[in-house]
Amino acid sequence: MAAIPARTLAFRNTHTDEAVKVTYWEGGEYIPDALASVNHVLRDFRTGDVHPIEPKLLDLLTLLQSRTETTQPYQIISGYRSPRTNALLHERSGGVATHSLHMEGKAIDIRVPGVRLASLRDAALGLSLGGVGYYPSSDFVHVDVGRVRRW
């Protein structure tokens, strides 16, 4: 029986310029120290609050990376959002949900160097694993592990 390959992701936070590349799953298990590193880089950069990122979101990103055939790091526009930050953003924009999945560590706003934004959106839609939002004027795609939907 063939070994199941490890799952590795790379991120660069566009606001803090912090970067991390981690193997977060190996040998059938999530790796706590790697998850903690991801949680830190995807924290709410406005408040510094750190929250656990849902491992299923990382699995979705791994599948998305495979679909787009790239190993480039994900550029993170927004990972975890504290309730305070989410309320602030909701006041400024009708496009921010009151009860955003970002506040649960179940959503992320991304782009990938060398991958057209529309291609990233289409690949995410093809996975049918959660919500996909397309924001070409802001240059990012939102993906989450909530119910399957699109906007």
C-alpha atoms as a PDB file:
ATOM      1  CA  MET A   1       0.000   0.000   0.000  1.00  0.00           C
ATOM      2  CA  ALA A   2       1.373   3.426  -0.996  1.00  0.00           C
ATOM      3  CA  ALA A   3       2.035   5.992   1.696  1.00  0.00           C
ATOM      4  CA  ILE A   4      -0.318   8.953   1.766  1.00  0.00           C
ATOM      5  CA  PRO A   5       1.714  12.065   0.918  1.00  0.00           C
ATOM      6  CA  ALA A   6       2.247  14.794   3.475  1.00  0.00           C
ATOM      7  CA  ARG A   7       0.350  18.065   3.050  1.00  0.00           C
ATOM      8  CA  THR A   8       2.436  21.226   2.857  1.00  0.00           C
ATOM      9  CA  LEU A   9       1.312  24.814   2.328  1.00  0.00           C
ATOM     10  CA  ALA A  10       3.079  28.152   2.052  1.00  0.00           C
ATOM     11  CA  PHE A  11       1.581  31.516   2.981  1.00  0.00           C
ATOM     12  CA  ARG A  12       2.617  35.154   2.821  1.00  0.00           C
ATOM     13  CA  ASN A  13       0.543  37.679   4.721  1.00  0.00           C
ATOM     14  CA  THR A  14       0.178  40.746   2.499  1.00  0.00           C
ATOM     15  CA  HIS A  15      -0.257  43.051   5.504  1.00  0.00           C
ATOM     16  CA  THR A  16       2.616  41.902   7.738  1.00  0.00           C
ATOM     17  CA  ASP A  17       4.862  40.406   5.015  1.00  0.00           C
ATOM     18  CA  GLU A  18       5.318  37.362   7.260  1.00  0.00           C
ATOM     19  CA  ALA A  19       5.753  34.075   5.451  1.00  0.00           C
ATOM     20  CA  VAL A  20       5.591  30.452   6.477  1.00  0.00           C
ATOM     21  CA  LYS A  21       5.888  27.136   4.707  1.00  0.00           C
ATOM     22  CA  VAL A  22       4.744  24.174   6.782  1.00  0.00           C
ATOM     23  CA  THR A  23       3.915  20.527   6.501  1.00  0.00           C
ATOM     24  CA  TYR A  24       0.703  20.588   8.515  1.00  0.00           C
ATOM     25  CA  TRP A  25      -0.426  16.965   8.011  1.00  0.00           C
ATOM     26  CA  GLU A  26       1.687  13.838   7.858  1.00  0.00           C
ATOM     27  CA  GLY A  27       1.219  10.168   8.613  1.00  0.00           C
ATOM     28  CA  GLY A  28      -2.531  10.566   8.934  1.00  0.00           C
ATOM     29  CA  GLU A  29      -2.364  13.319  11.546  1.00  0.00           C
ATOM     30  CA  TYR A  30      -2.410  17.079  11.768  1.00  0.00           C
ATOM     31  CA  ILE A  31       0.793  18.505  13.276  1.00  0.00           C
ATOM     32  CA  PRO A  32      -0.013  20.841  16.211  1.00  0.00           C
ATOM     33  CA  ASP A  33       3.149  22.987  15.949  1.00  0.00           C
ATOM     34  CA  ALA A  34       2.578  23.500  12.219  1.00  0.00           C
ATOM     35  CA  LEU A  35      -1.065  24.449  12.814  1.00  0.00           C
ATOM     36  CA  ALA A  36       0.086  26.959  15.450  1.00  0.00           C
ATOM     37  CA  SER A  37       2.448  28.526  12.889  1.00  0.00           C
ATOM     38  CA  VAL A  38      -0.397  28.852  10.395  1.00  0.00           C
ATOM     39  CA  ASN A  39      -2.683  30.335  13.064  1.00  0.00           C
ATOM     40  CA  HIS A  40      -0.055  32.975  13.831  1.00  0.00           C
ATOM     41  CA  VAL A  41       0.498  34.057  10.211  1.00  0.00           C
ATOM     42  CA  LEU A  42      -3.259  34.117   9.519  1.00  0.00           C
ATOM     43  CA  ARG A  43      -4.060  36.084  12.697  1.00  0.00           C
ATOM     44  CA  ASP A  44      -6.076  39.299  12.710  1.00  0.00           C
ATOM     45  CA  PHE A  45      -3.298  41.727  11.790  1.00  0.00           C
ATOM     46  CA  ARG A  46      -5.343  44.687  13.061  1.00  0.00           C
ATOM     47  CA  THR A  47      -5.705  43.414  16.641  1.00  0.00           C
ATOM     48  CA  GLY A  48      -3.039  40.701  16.864  1.00  0.00           C
ATOM     49  CA  ASP A  49      -5.682  38.169  17.937  1.00  0.00           C
ATOM     50  CA  VAL A  50      -4.816  34.575  17.032  1.00  0.00           C
ATOM     51  CA  HIS A  51      -7.526  31.955  16.497  1.00  0.00           C
ATOM     52  CA  PRO A  52      -7.374  28.339  15.359  1.00  0.00           C
ATOM     53  CA  ILE A  53      -7.767  27.950  11.614  1.00  0.00           C
ATOM     54  CA  GLU A  54     -10.049  25.068  10.696  1.00  0.00           C
ATOM     55  CA  PRO A  55      -7.840  22.232   9.357  1.00  0.00           C
ATOM     56  CA  LYS A  56     -10.483  21.445   6.717  1.00  0.00           C
ATOM     57  CA  LEU A  57      -9.796  24.921   5.275  1.00  0.00           C
ATOM     58  CA  LEU A  58      -6.130  23.984   4.940  1.00  0.00           C
ATOM     59  CA  ASP A  59      -7.159  20.734   3.234  1.00  0.00           C
ATOM     60  CA  LEU A  60      -9.308  22.751   0.810  1.00  0.00           C
ATOM     61  CA  LEU A  61      -6.293  24.973   0.052  1.00  0.00           C
ATOM     62  CA  THR A  62      -4.151  21.882  -0.562  1.00  0.00           C
ATOM     63  CA  LEU A  63      -6.691  20.586  -3.086  1.00  0.00           C
ATOM     64  CA  LEU A  64      -6.933  24.026  -4.667  1.00  0.00           C
ATOM     65  CA  GLN A  65      -3.154  24.145  -5.000  1.00  0.00           C
ATOM     66  CA  SER A  66      -3.253  20.808  -6.802  1.00  0.00           C
ATOM     67  CA  ARG A  67      -6.058  21.979  -9.111  1.00  0.00           C
ATOM     68  CA  THR A  68      -4.165  25.128 -10.074  1.00  0.00           C
ATOM     69  CA  GLU A  69      -0.920  23.164 -10.498  1.00  0.00           C
ATOM     70  CA  THR A  70       1.208  25.615  -8.549  1.00  0.00           C
ATOM     71  CA  THR A  71       3.478  25.548  -5.525  1.00  0.00           C
ATOM     72  CA  GLN A  72       3.520  29.334  -5.174  1.00  0.00           C
ATOM     73  CA  PRO A  73       2.629  30.593  -1.698  1.00  0.00           C
ATOM     74  CA  TYR A  74      -0.876  31.793  -1.036  1.00  0.00           C
ATOM     75  CA  GLN A  75      -0.951  35.554  -0.611  1.00  0.00           C
ATOM     76  CA  ILE A  76      -3.248  36.202   2.341  1.00  0.00           C
ATOM     77  CA  ILE A  77      -5.491  39.248   2.234  1.00  0.00           C
ATOM     78  CA  SER A  78      -7.606  38.121   5.195  1.00  0.00           C
ATOM     79  CA  GLY A  79      -7.495  35.025   7.376  1.00  0.00           C
ATOM     80  CA  TYR A  80      -8.910  35.128  10.884  1.00  0.00           C
ATOM     81  CA  ARG A  81     -10.901  38.237  11.805  1.00  0.00           C
ATOM     82  CA  SER A  82     -11.755  39.134  15.368  1.00  0.00           C
ATOM     83  CA  PRO A  83     -15.370  40.134  16.029  1.00  0.00           C
ATOM     84  CA  ARG A  84     -14.153  43.731  16.518  1.00  0.00           C
ATOM     85  CA  THR A  85     -12.393  43.833  13.141  1.00  0.00           C
ATOM     86  CA  ASN A  86     -15.309  42.156  11.403  1.00  0.00           C
ATOM     87  CA  ALA A  87     -17.758  44.703  12.823  1.00  0.00           C
ATOM     88  CA  LEU A  88     -15.502  47.541  11.658  1.00  0.00           C
ATOM     89  CA  LEU A  89     -15.241  46.096   8.137  1.00  0.00           C
ATOM     90  CA  HIS A  90     -18.992  45.403   8.043  1.00  0.00           C
ATOM     91  CA  GLU A  91     -19.669  49.081   8.828  1.00  0.00           C
ATOM     92  CA  ARG A  92     -17.433  50.123   5.917  1.00  0.00           C
ATOM     93  CA  SER A  93     -18.705  47.599   3.376  1.00  0.00           C
ATOM     94  CA  GLY A  94     -21.959  45.803   2.738  1.00  0.00           C
ATOM     95  CA  GLY A  95     -19.864  42.957   1.300  1.00  0.00           C
ATOM     96  CA  VAL A  96     -18.693  41.857   4.769  1.00  0.00           C
ATOM     97  CA  ALA A  97     -21.078  39.433   6.483  1.00  0.00           C
ATOM     98  CA  THR A  98     -22.158  40.207  10.050  1.00  0.00           C
ATOM     99  CA  HIS A  99     -21.384  36.624  11.099  1.00  0.00           C
ATOM    100  CA  SER A 100     -18.450  36.017   8.763  1.00  0.00           C
ATOM    101  CA  LEU A 101     -16.802  32.604   8.721  1.00  0.00           C
ATOM    102  CA  HIS A 102     -13.507  34.510   9.017  1.00  0.00           C
ATOM    103  CA  MET A 103     -14.410  34.928  12.719  1.00  0.00           C
ATOM    104  CA  GLU A 104     -14.467  31.129  13.101  1.00  0.00           C
ATOM    105  CA  GLY A 105     -11.210  30.481  11.250  1.00  0.00           C
ATOM    106  CA  LYS A 106     -13.192  28.859   8.441  1.00  0.00           C
ATOM    107  CA  ALA A 107     -12.602  31.408   5.635  1.00  0.00           C
ATOM    108  CA  ILE A 108      -9.682  32.994   3.849  1.00  0.00           C
ATOM    109  CA  ASP A 109      -9.211  35.652   1.155  1.00  0.00           C
ATOM    110  CA  ILE A 110      -6.364  34.762  -1.207  1.00  0.00           C
ATOM    111  CA  ARG A 111      -4.539  35.219  -4.467  1.00  0.00           C
ATOM    112  CA  VAL A 112      -1.680  33.205  -5.946  1.00  0.00           C
ATOM    113  CA  PRO A 113       1.235  34.615  -7.961  1.00  0.00           C
ATOM    114  CA  GLY A 114       1.104  33.338 -11.516  1.00  0.00           C
ATOM    115  CA  VAL A 115      -2.502  32.108 -11.288  1.00  0.00           C
ATOM    116  CA  ARG A 116      -5.190  34.231 -12.937  1.00  0.00           C
ATOM    117  CA  LEU A 117      -7.819  35.265 -10.417  1.00  0.00           C
ATOM    118  CA  ALA A 118     -10.633  33.860 -12.586  1.00  0.00           C
ATOM    119  CA  SER A 119      -8.769  30.540 -12.821  1.00  0.00           C
ATOM    120  CA  LEU A 120      -8.384  30.433  -9.040  1.00  0.00           C
ATOM    121  CA  ARG A 121     -12.122  31.098  -8.655  1.00  0.00           C
ATOM    122  CA  ASP A 122     -13.036  28.433 -11.205  1.00  0.00           C
ATOM    123  CA  ALA A 123     -10.791  25.863  -9.548  1.00  0.00           C
ATOM    124  CA  ALA A 124     -12.342  26.628  -6.145  1.00  0.00           C
ATOM    125  CA  LEU A 125     -15.851  26.358  -7.582  1.00  0.00           C
ATOM    126  CA  GLY A 126     -14.918  23.024  -9.136  1.00  0.00           C
ATOM    127  CA  LEU A 127     -14.056  21.596  -5.720  1.00  0.00           C
ATOM    128  CA  SER A 128     -17.609  22.222  -4.388  1.00  0.00           C
ATOM    129  CA  LEU A 129     -16.306  22.204  -0.816  1.00  0.00           C
ATOM    130  CA  GLY A 130     -17.667  25.516   0.466  1.00  0.00           C
ATOM    131  CA  GLY A 131     -18.302  29.128  -0.403  1.00  0.00           C
ATOM    132  CA  VAL A 132     -16.435  30.973  -3.148  1.00  0.00           C
ATOM    133  CA  GLY A 133     -16.503  34.740  -3.526  1.00  0.00           C
ATOM    134  CA  TYR A 134     -14.927  36.518  -6.490  1.00  0.00           C
ATOM    135  CA  TYR A 135     -13.589  40.044  -5.973  1.00  0.00           C
ATOM    136  CA  PRO A 136     -11.702  41.018  -9.138  1.00  0.00           C
ATOM    137  CA  SER A 137     -11.680  44.745  -8.327  1.00  0.00           C
ATOM    138  CA  SER A 138      -9.999  43.982  -4.978  1.00  0.00           C
ATOM    139  CA  ASP A 139      -7.808  41.232  -6.518  1.00  0.00           C
ATOM    140  CA  PHE A 140      -8.739  38.260  -4.341  1.00  0.00           C
ATOM    141  CA  VAL A 141     -10.871  35.152  -4.106  1.00  0.00           C
ATOM    142  CA  HIS A 142     -12.666  34.205  -0.884  1.00  0.00           C
ATOM    143  CA  VAL A 143     -12.914  30.505  -0.019  1.00  0.00           C
ATOM    144  CA  ASP A 144     -14.496  28.948   3.037  1.00  0.00           C
ATOM    145  CA  VAL A 145     -15.624  25.609   4.398  1.00  0.00           C
ATOM    146  CA  GLY A 146     -19.218  26.673   4.997  1.00  0.00           C
ATOM    147  CA  ARG A 147     -22.085  25.559   2.805  1.00  0.00           C
ATOM    148  CA  VAL A 148     -21.507  25.418  -0.940  1.00  0.00           C
ATOM    149  CA  ARG A 149     -22.437  28.759  -2.509  1.00  0.00           C
ATOM    150  CA  ARG A 150     -20.971  31.440  -4.760  1.00  0.00           C
ATOM    151  CA  TRP A 151     -21.025  35.194  -5.214  1.00  0.00           C
END
